[in-house]
Amino acid sequence: MCLNSFLQIYTTQDTLYRTEQQHSTPIPPTRSSELMGIRFSISSSQPSKPSLGELPESCVAVIMEYMDPPQICKLASLNRAFRAASSADFVWESKLPPNYHLIIRKIFDVSFPSHLEKRGIYSRLCSLNTFDGGTKKVWLDRSMGKLCLSISAKGLSITYIDDRRYWNHIPTEESTFSSVAYLQQIWWFEVDGEVEFPFPAGTYSLFFRIHLGKASKRFGRRVCNTEHVHGWDIKPVRFQLWTSDGQYVASQCFLKGPGKWRYYHAGDFVVEDGNVSTKVKFSMTQIDCTHTKGGLCLDSVFVYPSEFRKVKEFLN
């Protein structure tokens, strides 16, 4: 049962009951009743009808088990019984990844509270959890409960990153890591990275978050300097992806659209066993030295469940 149907039934039944109470016709008083000062009505002789609000908490919790997390939270706001039912461990355990114990161990080590309820665990995992020296973040999507991961530019291997003639790390509010790598100009463009993580079983897509031009704020307004943007329309950028179990994907495309953050799809990989960590290596290159290229901001690399490409507009 979806939340809308459940709420419609609840609201309709409650409305009918209230309407019946308001339009109940009083019984004309008899002489004896007048003497006693008592007035009776039809409604007083009929038992009140139960509403969905009187359902046992255990029944409500079973219904919630088949709902999405946002629906559970909305339903919990209706009354005290629903709010109590929404705290049941089995409700939230069904929303957690099957291997959530491994995920907790990977990102929290021994700092995670051992007696936290399942709802608390879900809430904690939905936050942006930083690990690996602050270069990686992992979280559960609140609406779907799917695992997502990002790797900052500082967590990647970028050729000539230490040479300020080519690259600089610049602070920005447009990155969850608070800084991006900015390329002014270079002949050999190469970015490599890897991550090893206990991904839950499923299919995942890897993206590079790229921006052509340097964005900043002037008098409170966002402006983009595209002075150094060049070379990306001459030859395509090549993306490659490898996994520890032998998967390999390669693709290429031209970078375009200055002034806007874009997610460039590098490839997909499949995780069959969530109880084993999967190592993923990836790269982004444009090593044709017949021309220079520049004016590029590299924010981070994202790993999302592949199904997000159908429901998340920013990935398209």
C-alpha atoms as a PDB file:
ATOM      1  CA  MET A   1       0.000   0.000   0.000  1.00  0.00           C
ATOM      2  CA  CYS A   2       1.410   3.408  -0.955  1.00  0.00           C
ATOM      3  CA  LEU A   3       1.355   6.350   1.414  1.00  0.00           C
ATOM      4  CA  ASN A   4      -1.195   8.331  -0.608  1.00  0.00           C
ATOM      5  CA  SER A   5      -3.693   5.457  -0.495  1.00  0.00           C
ATOM      6  CA  PHE A   6      -3.132   4.956   3.210  1.00  0.00           C
ATOM      7  CA  LEU A   7      -3.602   8.649   3.979  1.00  0.00           C
ATOM      8  CA  GLN A   8      -6.687   8.815   1.761  1.00  0.00           C
ATOM      9  CA  ILE A   9      -8.316   5.934   3.630  1.00  0.00           C
ATOM     10  CA  TYR A  10      -7.370   7.460   6.971  1.00  0.00           C
ATOM     11  CA  THR A  11      -8.680  10.916   6.050  1.00  0.00           C
ATOM     12  CA  THR A  12     -11.892   9.641   4.441  1.00  0.00           C
ATOM     13  CA  GLN A  13     -12.818   7.433   7.375  1.00  0.00           C
ATOM     14  CA  ASP A  14     -12.083  10.162   9.884  1.00  0.00           C
ATOM     15  CA  THR A  15     -14.121  12.698   7.883  1.00  0.00           C
ATOM     16  CA  LEU A  16     -17.111  10.369   7.587  1.00  0.00           C
ATOM     17  CA  TYR A  17     -17.052   9.715  11.306  1.00  0.00           C
ATOM     18  CA  ARG A  18     -16.933  13.426  12.155  1.00  0.00           C
ATOM     19  CA  THR A  19     -19.722  14.214   9.682  1.00  0.00           C
ATOM     20  CA  GLU A  20     -21.929  11.517  11.152  1.00  0.00           C
ATOM     21  CA  GLN A  21     -21.356  12.899  14.623  1.00  0.00           C
ATOM     22  CA  GLN A  22     -22.263  16.426  13.525  1.00  0.00           C
ATOM     23  CA  HIS A  23     -25.478  15.388  11.746  1.00  0.00           C
ATOM     24  CA  SER A  24     -26.792  12.926  14.303  1.00  0.00           C
ATOM     25  CA  THR A  25     -30.469  13.640  15.111  1.00  0.00           C
ATOM     26  CA  PRO A  26     -31.339  13.964  18.791  1.00  0.00           C
ATOM     27  CA  ILE A  27     -34.236  11.852  20.092  1.00  0.00           C
ATOM     28  CA  PRO A  28     -37.164  14.037  21.221  1.00  0.00           C
ATOM     29  CA  PRO A  29     -37.115  14.161  24.999  1.00  0.00           C
ATOM     30  CA  THR A  30     -39.766  12.267  26.930  1.00  0.00           C
ATOM     31  CA  ARG A  31     -41.415  13.594  30.036  1.00  0.00           C
ATOM     32  CA  SER A  32     -39.283  11.403  32.229  1.00  0.00           C
ATOM     33  CA  SER A  33     -36.115  12.446  30.487  1.00  0.00           C
ATOM     34  CA  GLU A  34     -37.049  16.095  30.840  1.00  0.00           C
ATOM     35  CA  LEU A  35     -37.634  15.596  34.512  1.00  0.00           C
ATOM     36  CA  MET A  36     -34.237  13.996  34.871  1.00  0.00           C
ATOM     37  CA  GLY A  37     -32.591  16.702  32.729  1.00  0.00           C
ATOM     38  CA  ILE A  38     -31.123  14.107  30.380  1.00  0.00           C
ATOM     39  CA  ARG A  39     -31.116  14.322  26.602  1.00  0.00           C
ATOM     40  CA  PHE A  40     -30.306  11.344  24.455  1.00  0.00           C
ATOM     41  CA  SER A  41     -29.170  11.204  20.856  1.00  0.00           C
ATOM     42  CA  ILE A  42     -28.864   8.504  18.288  1.00  0.00           C
ATOM     43  CA  SER A  43     -25.118   8.759  18.434  1.00  0.00           C
ATOM     44  CA  SER A  44     -25.092   8.045  22.155  1.00  0.00           C
ATOM     45  CA  SER A  45     -26.790   4.718  21.580  1.00  0.00           C
ATOM     46  CA  GLN A  46     -24.324   3.683  18.868  1.00  0.00           C
ATOM     47  CA  PRO A  47     -20.720   2.685  19.576  1.00  0.00           C
ATOM     48  CA  SER A  48     -18.108   5.000  18.048  1.00  0.00           C
ATOM     49  CA  LYS A  49     -16.484   3.638  14.916  1.00  0.00           C
ATOM     50  CA  PRO A  50     -12.768   2.844  15.155  1.00  0.00           C
ATOM     51  CA  SER A  51     -10.383   4.829  12.969  1.00  0.00           C
ATOM     52  CA  LEU A  52      -7.012   3.945  11.497  1.00  0.00           C
ATOM     53  CA  GLY A  53      -5.465   5.950  14.299  1.00  0.00           C
ATOM     54  CA  GLU A  54      -6.488   3.152  16.652  1.00  0.00           C
ATOM     55  CA  LEU A  55      -4.572   0.472  14.759  1.00  0.00           C
ATOM     56  CA  PRO A  56      -2.025  -1.392  16.890  1.00  0.00           C
ATOM     57  CA  GLU A  57       1.513  -0.107  16.517  1.00  0.00           C
ATOM     58  CA  SER A  58       2.674  -3.500  15.286  1.00  0.00           C
ATOM     59  CA  CYS A  59       0.195  -3.407  12.385  1.00  0.00           C
ATOM     60  CA  VAL A  60       1.204   0.112  11.402  1.00  0.00           C
ATOM     61  CA  ALA A  61       4.878  -0.875  11.559  1.00  0.00           C
ATOM     62  CA  VAL A  62       4.268  -3.767   9.149  1.00  0.00           C
ATOM     63  CA  ILE A  63       2.660  -1.341   6.688  1.00  0.00           C
ATOM     64  CA  MET A  64       5.579   1.075   7.059  1.00  0.00           C
ATOM     65  CA  GLU A  65       8.024  -1.676   6.182  1.00  0.00           C
ATOM     66  CA  TYR A  66       6.775  -1.461   2.581  1.00  0.00           C
ATOM     67  CA  MET A  67       7.068   2.331   2.357  1.00  0.00           C
ATOM     68  CA  ASP A  68       9.926   4.595   1.363  1.00  0.00           C
ATOM     69  CA  PRO A  69      11.734   6.538   4.133  1.00  0.00           C
ATOM     70  CA  PRO A  70      10.121   9.922   3.262  1.00  0.00           C
ATOM     71  CA  GLN A  71       6.694   8.277   3.365  1.00  0.00           C
ATOM     72  CA  ILE A  72       7.439   6.749   6.765  1.00  0.00           C
ATOM     73  CA  CYS A  73       8.454  10.124   8.178  1.00  0.00           C
ATOM     74  CA  LYS A  74       5.321  11.764   6.800  1.00  0.00           C
ATOM     75  CA  LEU A  75       3.087   9.052   8.207  1.00  0.00           C
ATOM     76  CA  ALA A  76       4.802   9.287  11.596  1.00  0.00           C
ATOM     77  CA  SER A  77       3.623  12.888  11.907  1.00  0.00           C
ATOM     78  CA  LEU A  78      -0.076  11.907  11.928  1.00  0.00           C
ATOM     79  CA  ASN A  79      -0.388  10.757  15.528  1.00  0.00           C
ATOM     80  CA  ARG A  80       1.422   9.233  18.477  1.00  0.00           C
ATOM     81  CA  ALA A  81       0.761   5.610  17.503  1.00  0.00           C
ATOM     82  CA  PHE A  82       2.196   6.079  14.022  1.00  0.00           C
ATOM     83  CA  ARG A  83       5.197   7.921  15.430  1.00  0.00           C
ATOM     84  CA  ALA A  84       5.923   5.071  17.828  1.00  0.00           C
ATOM     85  CA  ALA A  85       5.499   2.489  15.061  1.00  0.00           C
ATOM     86  CA  SER A  86       8.006   4.347  12.892  1.00  0.00           C
ATOM     87  CA  SER A  87      10.722   3.630  15.468  1.00  0.00           C
ATOM     88  CA  ALA A  88      10.555  -0.147  15.058  1.00  0.00           C
ATOM     89  CA  ASP A  89      13.958  -1.621  14.238  1.00  0.00           C
ATOM     90  CA  PHE A  90      12.662  -4.006  11.579  1.00  0.00           C
ATOM     91  CA  VAL A  91      11.120  -1.076   9.671  1.00  0.00           C
ATOM     92  CA  TRP A  92      14.465   0.674   9.233  1.00  0.00           C
ATOM     93  CA  GLU A  93      16.589  -2.430   8.900  1.00  0.00           C
ATOM     94  CA  SER A  94      14.717  -3.143   5.668  1.00  0.00           C
ATOM     95  CA  LYS A  95      15.885   0.268   4.377  1.00  0.00           C
ATOM     96  CA  LEU A  96      19.537  -0.227   5.276  1.00  0.00           C
ATOM     97  CA  PRO A  97      21.970  -1.873   2.836  1.00  0.00           C
ATOM     98  CA  PRO A  98      22.348  -5.604   3.592  1.00  0.00           C
ATOM     99  CA  ASN A  99      26.052  -5.061   4.341  1.00  0.00           C
ATOM    100  CA  TYR A 100      25.641  -1.912   6.429  1.00  0.00           C
ATOM    101  CA  HIS A 101      27.829  -3.410   9.174  1.00  0.00           C
ATOM    102  CA  LEU A 102      30.779  -3.465   6.755  1.00  0.00           C
ATOM    103  CA  ILE A 103      30.037   0.081   5.618  1.00  0.00           C
ATOM    104  CA  ILE A 104      30.003   1.324   9.213  1.00  0.00           C
ATOM    105  CA  ARG A 105      33.280  -0.451   9.924  1.00  0.00           C
ATOM    106  CA  LYS A 106      34.860   1.096   6.824  1.00  0.00           C
ATOM    107  CA  ILE A 107      33.972   4.725   7.479  1.00  0.00           C
ATOM    108  CA  PHE A 108      33.688   4.936  11.275  1.00  0.00           C
ATOM    109  CA  ASP A 109      36.153   2.361  12.628  1.00  0.00           C
ATOM    110  CA  VAL A 110      35.445   2.190  16.399  1.00  0.00           C
ATOM    111  CA  SER A 111      33.868   5.644  16.757  1.00  0.00           C
ATOM    112  CA  PHE A 112      30.338   4.541  15.832  1.00  0.00           C
ATOM    113  CA  PRO A 113      27.842   4.189  18.751  1.00  0.00           C
ATOM    114  CA  SER A 114      27.256   0.494  19.403  1.00  0.00           C
ATOM    115  CA  HIS A 115      23.742   0.779  20.855  1.00  0.00           C
ATOM    116  CA  LEU A 116      22.190   3.030  18.212  1.00  0.00           C
ATOM    117  CA  GLU A 117      18.728   2.017  16.993  1.00  0.00           C
ATOM    118  CA  LYS A 118      18.248   1.154  13.329  1.00  0.00           C
ATOM    119  CA  ARG A 119      16.494   4.457  12.644  1.00  0.00           C
ATOM    120  CA  GLY A 120      19.470   6.265  14.151  1.00  0.00           C
ATOM    121  CA  ILE A 121      21.876   4.208  12.041  1.00  0.00           C
ATOM    122  CA  TYR A 122      19.927   5.058   8.899  1.00  0.00           C
ATOM    123  CA  SER A 123      19.915   8.749   9.788  1.00  0.00           C
ATOM    124  CA  ARG A 124      23.654   8.704  10.502  1.00  0.00           C
ATOM    125  CA  LEU A 125      24.459   6.993   7.209  1.00  0.00           C
ATOM    126  CA  CYS A 126      22.334   9.529   5.314  1.00  0.00           C
ATOM    127  CA  SER A 127      24.708  12.282   6.437  1.00  0.00           C
ATOM    128  CA  LEU A 128      27.831  13.133   4.445  1.00  0.00           C
ATOM    129  CA  ASN A 129      30.340  10.878   6.184  1.00  0.00           C
ATOM    130  CA  THR A 130      33.971  11.767   5.489  1.00  0.00           C
ATOM    131  CA  PHE A 131      36.760   9.193   5.606  1.00  0.00           C
ATOM    132  CA  ASP A 132      40.209   8.416   4.204  1.00  0.00           C
ATOM    133  CA  GLY A 133      41.786  11.622   5.459  1.00  0.00           C
ATOM    134  CA  GLY A 134      38.893  13.811   4.372  1.00  0.00           C
ATOM    135  CA  THR A 135      39.287  12.981   0.672  1.00  0.00           C
ATOM    136  CA  LYS A 136      36.198  10.780   0.379  1.00  0.00           C
ATOM    137  CA  LYS A 137      32.559  11.055   1.407  1.00  0.00           C
ATOM    138  CA  VAL A 138      29.879   8.381   1.519  1.00  0.00           C
ATOM    139  CA  TRP A 139      26.166   8.621   2.257  1.00  0.00           C
ATOM    140  CA  LEU A 140      22.805   6.966   1.698  1.00  0.00           C
ATOM    141  CA  ASP A 141      20.324   8.756  -0.518  1.00  0.00           C
ATOM    142  CA  ARG A 142      17.498   9.734   1.860  1.00  0.00           C
ATOM    143  CA  SER A 143      14.670   8.980  -0.533  1.00  0.00           C
ATOM    144  CA  MET A 144      15.916   5.650  -1.900  1.00  0.00           C
ATOM    145  CA  GLY A 145      18.365   4.372   0.710  1.00  0.00           C
ATOM    146  CA  LYS A 146      21.039   3.718  -1.946  1.00  0.00           C
ATOM    147  CA  LEU A 147      24.751   4.190  -1.298  1.00  0.00           C
ATOM    148  CA  CYS A 148      26.612   7.074  -2.958  1.00  0.00           C
ATOM    149  CA  LEU A 149      30.300   7.964  -2.805  1.00  0.00           C
ATOM    150  CA  SER A 150      32.472  10.886  -3.862  1.00  0.00           C
ATOM    151  CA  ILE A 151      36.232  11.443  -4.089  1.00  0.00           C
ATOM    152  CA  SER A 152      37.671  14.948  -3.935  1.00  0.00           C
ATOM    153  CA  ALA A 153      40.196  16.335  -6.396  1.00  0.00           C
ATOM    154  CA  LYS A 154      42.777  16.143  -3.593  1.00  0.00           C
ATOM    155  CA  GLY A 155      42.138  12.401  -3.412  1.00  0.00           C
ATOM    156  CA  LEU A 156      43.022  11.929  -7.093  1.00  0.00           C
ATOM    157  CA  SER A 157      46.373  11.583  -8.841  1.00  0.00           C
ATOM    158  CA  ILE A 158      46.671  14.557 -11.204  1.00  0.00           C
ATOM    159  CA  THR A 159      49.716  14.908 -13.436  1.00  0.00           C
ATOM    160  CA  TYR A 160      51.683  18.101 -12.604  1.00  0.00           C
ATOM    161  CA  ILE A 161      49.267  19.000  -9.797  1.00  0.00           C
ATOM    162  CA  ASP A 162      52.168  20.401  -7.742  1.00  0.00           C
ATOM    163  CA  ASP A 163      53.316  22.736 -10.515  1.00  0.00           C
ATOM    164  CA  ARG A 164      51.448  26.005 -10.027  1.00  0.00           C
ATOM    165  CA  ARG A 165      52.108  26.973 -13.636  1.00  0.00           C
ATOM    166  CA  TYR A 166      49.449  24.424 -14.557  1.00  0.00           C
ATOM    167  CA  TRP A 167      47.223  23.534 -11.602  1.00  0.00           C
ATOM    168  CA  ASN A 168      45.924  25.247  -8.476  1.00  0.00           C
ATOM    169  CA  HIS A 169      43.572  24.230  -5.679  1.00  0.00           C
ATOM    170  CA  ILE A 170      41.074  27.048  -5.267  1.00  0.00           C
ATOM    171  CA  PRO A 171      38.452  27.416  -2.501  1.00  0.00           C
ATOM    172  CA  THR A 172      34.793  27.454  -3.504  1.00  0.00           C
ATOM    173  CA  GLU A 173      31.337  27.054  -2.002  1.00  0.00           C
ATOM    174  CA  GLU A 174      30.265  25.020  -5.032  1.00  0.00           C
ATOM    175  CA  SER A 175      31.993  21.854  -3.836  1.00  0.00           C
ATOM    176  CA  THR A 176      31.125  19.675  -0.853  1.00  0.00           C
ATOM    177  CA  PHE A 177      34.892  19.450  -0.288  1.00  0.00           C
ATOM    178  CA  SER A 178      35.181  23.280  -0.229  1.00  0.00           C
ATOM    179  CA  SER A 179      37.852  23.356  -2.952  1.00  0.00           C
ATOM    180  CA  VAL A 180      38.428  22.286  -6.554  1.00  0.00           C
ATOM    181  CA  ALA A 181      41.459  21.742  -8.770  1.00  0.00           C
ATOM    182  CA  TYR A 182      41.726  24.438 -11.439  1.00  0.00           C
ATOM    183  CA  LEU A 183      43.720  23.884 -14.629  1.00  0.00           C
ATOM    184  CA  GLN A 184      45.018  27.034 -16.276  1.00  0.00           C
ATOM    185  CA  GLN A 185      46.822  25.456 -19.230  1.00  0.00           C
ATOM    186  CA  ILE A 186      48.615  22.191 -19.987  1.00  0.00           C
ATOM    187  CA  TRP A 187      49.717  19.923 -22.818  1.00  0.00           C
ATOM    188  CA  TRP A 188      49.352  16.575 -21.036  1.00  0.00           C
ATOM    189  CA  PHE A 189      46.051  16.207 -19.170  1.00  0.00           C
ATOM    190  CA  GLU A 190      45.799  13.084 -17.017  1.00  0.00           C
ATOM    191  CA  VAL A 191      43.742  12.324 -13.898  1.00  0.00           C
ATOM    192  CA  ASP A 192      43.775   8.915 -12.188  1.00  0.00           C
ATOM    193  CA  GLY A 193      42.125   7.573  -9.075  1.00  0.00           C
ATOM    194  CA  GLU A 194      40.968   4.501  -7.240  1.00  0.00           C
ATOM    195  CA  VAL A 195      38.673   3.518  -4.408  1.00  0.00           C
ATOM    196  CA  GLU A 196      38.175   0.279  -2.511  1.00  0.00           C
ATOM    197  CA  PHE A 197      34.849  -0.013  -0.738  1.00  0.00           C
ATOM    198  CA  PRO A 198      32.238  -2.625   0.305  1.00  0.00           C
ATOM    199  CA  PHE A 199      29.601  -1.498  -2.183  1.00  0.00           C
ATOM    200  CA  PRO A 200      26.223  -3.231  -1.722  1.00  0.00           C
ATOM    201  CA  ALA A 201      25.352  -5.573  -4.576  1.00  0.00           C
ATOM    202  CA  GLY A 202      24.076  -3.705  -7.618  1.00  0.00           C
ATOM    203  CA  THR A 203      25.099  -1.699 -10.678  1.00  0.00           C
ATOM    204  CA  TYR A 204      26.941   1.602 -10.262  1.00  0.00           C
ATOM    205  CA  SER A 205      27.884   4.501 -12.525  1.00  0.00           C
ATOM    206  CA  LEU A 206      31.007   6.630 -12.150  1.00  0.00           C
ATOM    207  CA  PHE A 207      31.014  10.337 -13.037  1.00  0.00           C
ATOM    208  CA  PHE A 208      33.564  13.160 -13.182  1.00  0.00           C
ATOM    209  CA  ARG A 209      32.126  16.508 -12.048  1.00  0.00           C
ATOM    210  CA  ILE A 210      33.668  19.102 -14.359  1.00  0.00           C
ATOM    211  CA  HIS A 211      33.220  22.835 -14.898  1.00  0.00           C
ATOM    212  CA  LEU A 212      34.686  24.801 -17.808  1.00  0.00           C
ATOM    213  CA  GLY A 213      35.659  28.258 -16.604  1.00  0.00           C
ATOM    214  CA  LYS A 214      36.428  29.620 -13.149  1.00  0.00           C
ATOM    215  CA  ALA A 215      33.330  30.554 -11.146  1.00  0.00           C
ATOM    216  CA  SER A 216      33.389  33.226  -8.452  1.00  0.00           C
ATOM    217  CA  LYS A 217      31.114  35.752  -6.780  1.00  0.00           C
ATOM    218  CA  ARG A 218      31.094  39.458  -7.487  1.00  0.00           C
ATOM    219  CA  PHE A 219      28.796  41.766  -5.543  1.00  0.00           C
ATOM    220  CA  GLY A 220      26.872  38.703  -4.382  1.00  0.00           C
ATOM    221  CA  ARG A 221      26.298  37.379  -7.898  1.00  0.00           C
ATOM    222  CA  ARG A 222      27.866  34.320  -9.509  1.00  0.00           C
ATOM    223  CA  VAL A 223      30.151  35.091 -12.433  1.00  0.00           C
ATOM    224  CA  CYS A 224      32.232  32.773 -14.592  1.00  0.00           C
ATOM    225  CA  ASN A 225      35.584  33.640 -16.123  1.00  0.00           C
ATOM    226  CA  THR A 226      36.073  31.642 -19.336  1.00  0.00           C
ATOM    227  CA  GLU A 227      39.286  33.397 -20.379  1.00  0.00           C
ATOM    228  CA  HIS A 228      41.429  30.253 -20.189  1.00  0.00           C
ATOM    229  CA  VAL A 229      38.892  27.775 -21.611  1.00  0.00           C
ATOM    230  CA  HIS A 230      40.340  26.254 -24.772  1.00  0.00           C
ATOM    231  CA  GLY A 231      41.353  22.996 -26.433  1.00  0.00           C
ATOM    232  CA  TRP A 232      38.486  20.783 -25.292  1.00  0.00           C
ATOM    233  CA  ASP A 233      36.664  20.968 -28.618  1.00  0.00           C
ATOM    234  CA  ILE A 234      39.652  19.782 -30.663  1.00  0.00           C
ATOM    235  CA  LYS A 235      40.041  16.232 -29.363  1.00  0.00           C
ATOM    236  CA  PRO A 236      37.753  14.246 -27.030  1.00  0.00           C
ATOM    237  CA  VAL A 237      38.589  13.312 -23.455  1.00  0.00           C
ATOM    238  CA  ARG A 238      39.001   9.585 -22.821  1.00  0.00           C
ATOM    239  CA  PHE A 239      37.513   7.889 -19.741  1.00  0.00           C
ATOM    240  CA  GLN A 240      38.510   4.434 -18.495  1.00  0.00           C
ATOM    241  CA  LEU A 241      37.335   2.271 -15.617  1.00  0.00           C
ATOM    242  CA  TRP A 242      38.666  -1.005 -14.192  1.00  0.00           C
ATOM    243  CA  THR A 243      37.484  -3.195 -11.299  1.00  0.00           C
ATOM    244  CA  SER A 244      39.297  -5.782  -9.198  1.00  0.00           C
ATOM    245  CA  ASP A 245      37.157  -8.584 -10.659  1.00  0.00           C
ATOM    246  CA  GLY A 246      38.178  -7.866 -14.258  1.00  0.00           C
ATOM    247  CA  GLN A 247      35.558  -5.437 -15.540  1.00  0.00           C
ATOM    248  CA  TYR A 248      36.728  -2.757 -17.979  1.00  0.00           C
ATOM    249  CA  VAL A 249      34.918   0.135 -19.641  1.00  0.00           C
ATOM    250  CA  ALA A 250      36.218   2.894 -21.921  1.00  0.00           C
ATOM    251  CA  SER A 251      34.444   5.884 -23.441  1.00  0.00           C
ATOM    252  CA  GLN A 252      35.200   9.332 -24.786  1.00  0.00           C
ATOM    253  CA  CYS A 253      33.459  12.642 -25.325  1.00  0.00           C
ATOM    254  CA  PHE A 254      34.092  16.332 -25.876  1.00  0.00           C
ATOM    255  CA  LEU A 255      33.822  18.698 -22.926  1.00  0.00           C
ATOM    256  CA  LYS A 256      31.378  21.519 -23.499  1.00  0.00           C
ATOM    257  CA  GLY A 257      29.068  24.013 -21.846  1.00  0.00           C
ATOM    258  CA  PRO A 258      31.226  26.622 -20.045  1.00  0.00           C
ATOM    259  CA  GLY A 259      29.750  28.122 -16.898  1.00  0.00           C
ATOM    260  CA  LYS A 260      27.899  25.040 -15.681  1.00  0.00           C
ATOM    261  CA  TRP A 261      28.847  22.016 -13.611  1.00  0.00           C
ATOM    262  CA  ARG A 262      28.424  18.831 -15.627  1.00  0.00           C
ATOM    263  CA  TYR A 263      28.620  15.154 -14.708  1.00  0.00           C
ATOM    264  CA  TYR A 264      30.557  13.201 -17.331  1.00  0.00           C
ATOM    265  CA  HIS A 265      29.730   9.510 -17.325  1.00  0.00           C
ATOM    266  CA  ALA A 266      32.905   7.420 -17.319  1.00  0.00           C
ATOM    267  CA  GLY A 267      31.278   3.980 -17.179  1.00  0.00           C
ATOM    268  CA  ASP A 268      29.337   1.406 -15.169  1.00  0.00           C
ATOM    269  CA  PHE A 269      30.407  -1.535 -13.042  1.00  0.00           C
ATOM    270  CA  VAL A 270      28.537  -4.366 -11.337  1.00  0.00           C
ATOM    271  CA  VAL A 271      28.969  -5.542  -7.746  1.00  0.00           C
ATOM    272  CA  GLU A 272      27.710  -9.075  -7.185  1.00  0.00           C
ATOM    273  CA  ASP A 273      28.861  -9.684  -3.605  1.00  0.00           C
ATOM    274  CA  GLY A 274      28.444  -6.842  -1.125  1.00  0.00           C
ATOM    275  CA  ASN A 275      30.345  -8.730   1.562  1.00  0.00           C
ATOM    276  CA  VAL A 276      33.616  -8.285  -0.332  1.00  0.00           C
ATOM    277  CA  SER A 277      35.257  -4.913  -0.973  1.00  0.00           C
ATOM    278  CA  THR A 278      35.451  -3.925  -4.633  1.00  0.00           C
ATOM    279  CA  LYS A 279      38.425  -1.935  -5.913  1.00  0.00           C
ATOM    280  CA  VAL A 280      37.640   0.487  -8.724  1.00  0.00           C
ATOM    281  CA  LYS A 281      40.313   2.310 -10.737  1.00  0.00           C
ATOM    282  CA  PHE A 282      39.456   5.086 -13.171  1.00  0.00           C
ATOM    283  CA  SER A 283      41.082   7.727 -15.340  1.00  0.00           C
ATOM    284  CA  MET A 284      40.342  10.790 -17.441  1.00  0.00           C
ATOM    285  CA  THR A 285      42.920  11.757 -20.072  1.00  0.00           C
ATOM    286  CA  GLN A 286      43.560  14.026 -23.024  1.00  0.00           C
ATOM    287  CA  ILE A 287      47.198  13.439 -23.889  1.00  0.00           C
ATOM    288  CA  ASP A 288      47.303  14.636 -27.480  1.00  0.00           C
ATOM    289  CA  CYS A 289      50.254  17.024 -27.260  1.00  0.00           C
ATOM    290  CA  THR A 290      49.522  18.764 -30.561  1.00  0.00           C
ATOM    291  CA  HIS A 291      47.610  21.451 -28.669  1.00  0.00           C
ATOM    292  CA  THR A 292      47.165  22.854 -25.175  1.00  0.00           C
ATOM    293  CA  LYS A 293      43.975  22.807 -23.168  1.00  0.00           C
ATOM    294  CA  GLY A 294      42.895  24.706 -20.070  1.00  0.00           C
ATOM    295  CA  GLY A 295      40.301  26.636 -18.100  1.00  0.00           C
ATOM    296  CA  LEU A 296      38.904  23.529 -16.386  1.00  0.00           C
ATOM    297  CA  CYS A 297      37.718  22.998 -12.801  1.00  0.00           C
ATOM    298  CA  LEU A 298      37.772  19.438 -11.474  1.00  0.00           C
ATOM    299  CA  ASP A 299      35.603  19.044  -8.390  1.00  0.00           C
ATOM    300  CA  SER A 300      35.372  15.337  -7.655  1.00  0.00           C
ATOM    301  CA  VAL A 301      34.471  11.871  -8.861  1.00  0.00           C
ATOM    302  CA  PHE A 302      31.059  10.455  -7.946  1.00  0.00           C
ATOM    303  CA  VAL A 303      29.817   6.882  -7.765  1.00  0.00           C
ATOM    304  CA  TYR A 304      26.027   6.594  -7.914  1.00  0.00           C
ATOM    305  CA  PRO A 305      23.665   3.639  -8.358  1.00  0.00           C
ATOM    306  CA  SER A 306      23.031   3.399 -12.102  1.00  0.00           C
ATOM    307  CA  GLU A 307      19.281   3.732 -11.572  1.00  0.00           C
ATOM    308  CA  PHE A 308      19.874   7.343 -10.508  1.00  0.00           C
ATOM    309  CA  ARG A 309      20.460   8.251 -14.153  1.00  0.00           C
ATOM    310  CA  LYS A 310      16.714   7.845 -14.693  1.00  0.00           C
ATOM    311  CA  VAL A 311      15.543   9.849 -11.681  1.00  0.00           C
ATOM    312  CA  LYS A 312      18.262  12.452 -11.003  1.00  0.00           C
ATOM    313  CA  GLU A 313      18.107  15.274 -13.523  1.00  0.00           C
ATOM    314  CA  PHE A 314      21.581  16.613 -12.735  1.00  0.00           C
ATOM    315  CA  LEU A 315      23.144  13.395 -14.079  1.00  0.00           C
ATOM    316  CA  ASN A 316      21.652  13.917 -17.536  1.00  0.00           C
END
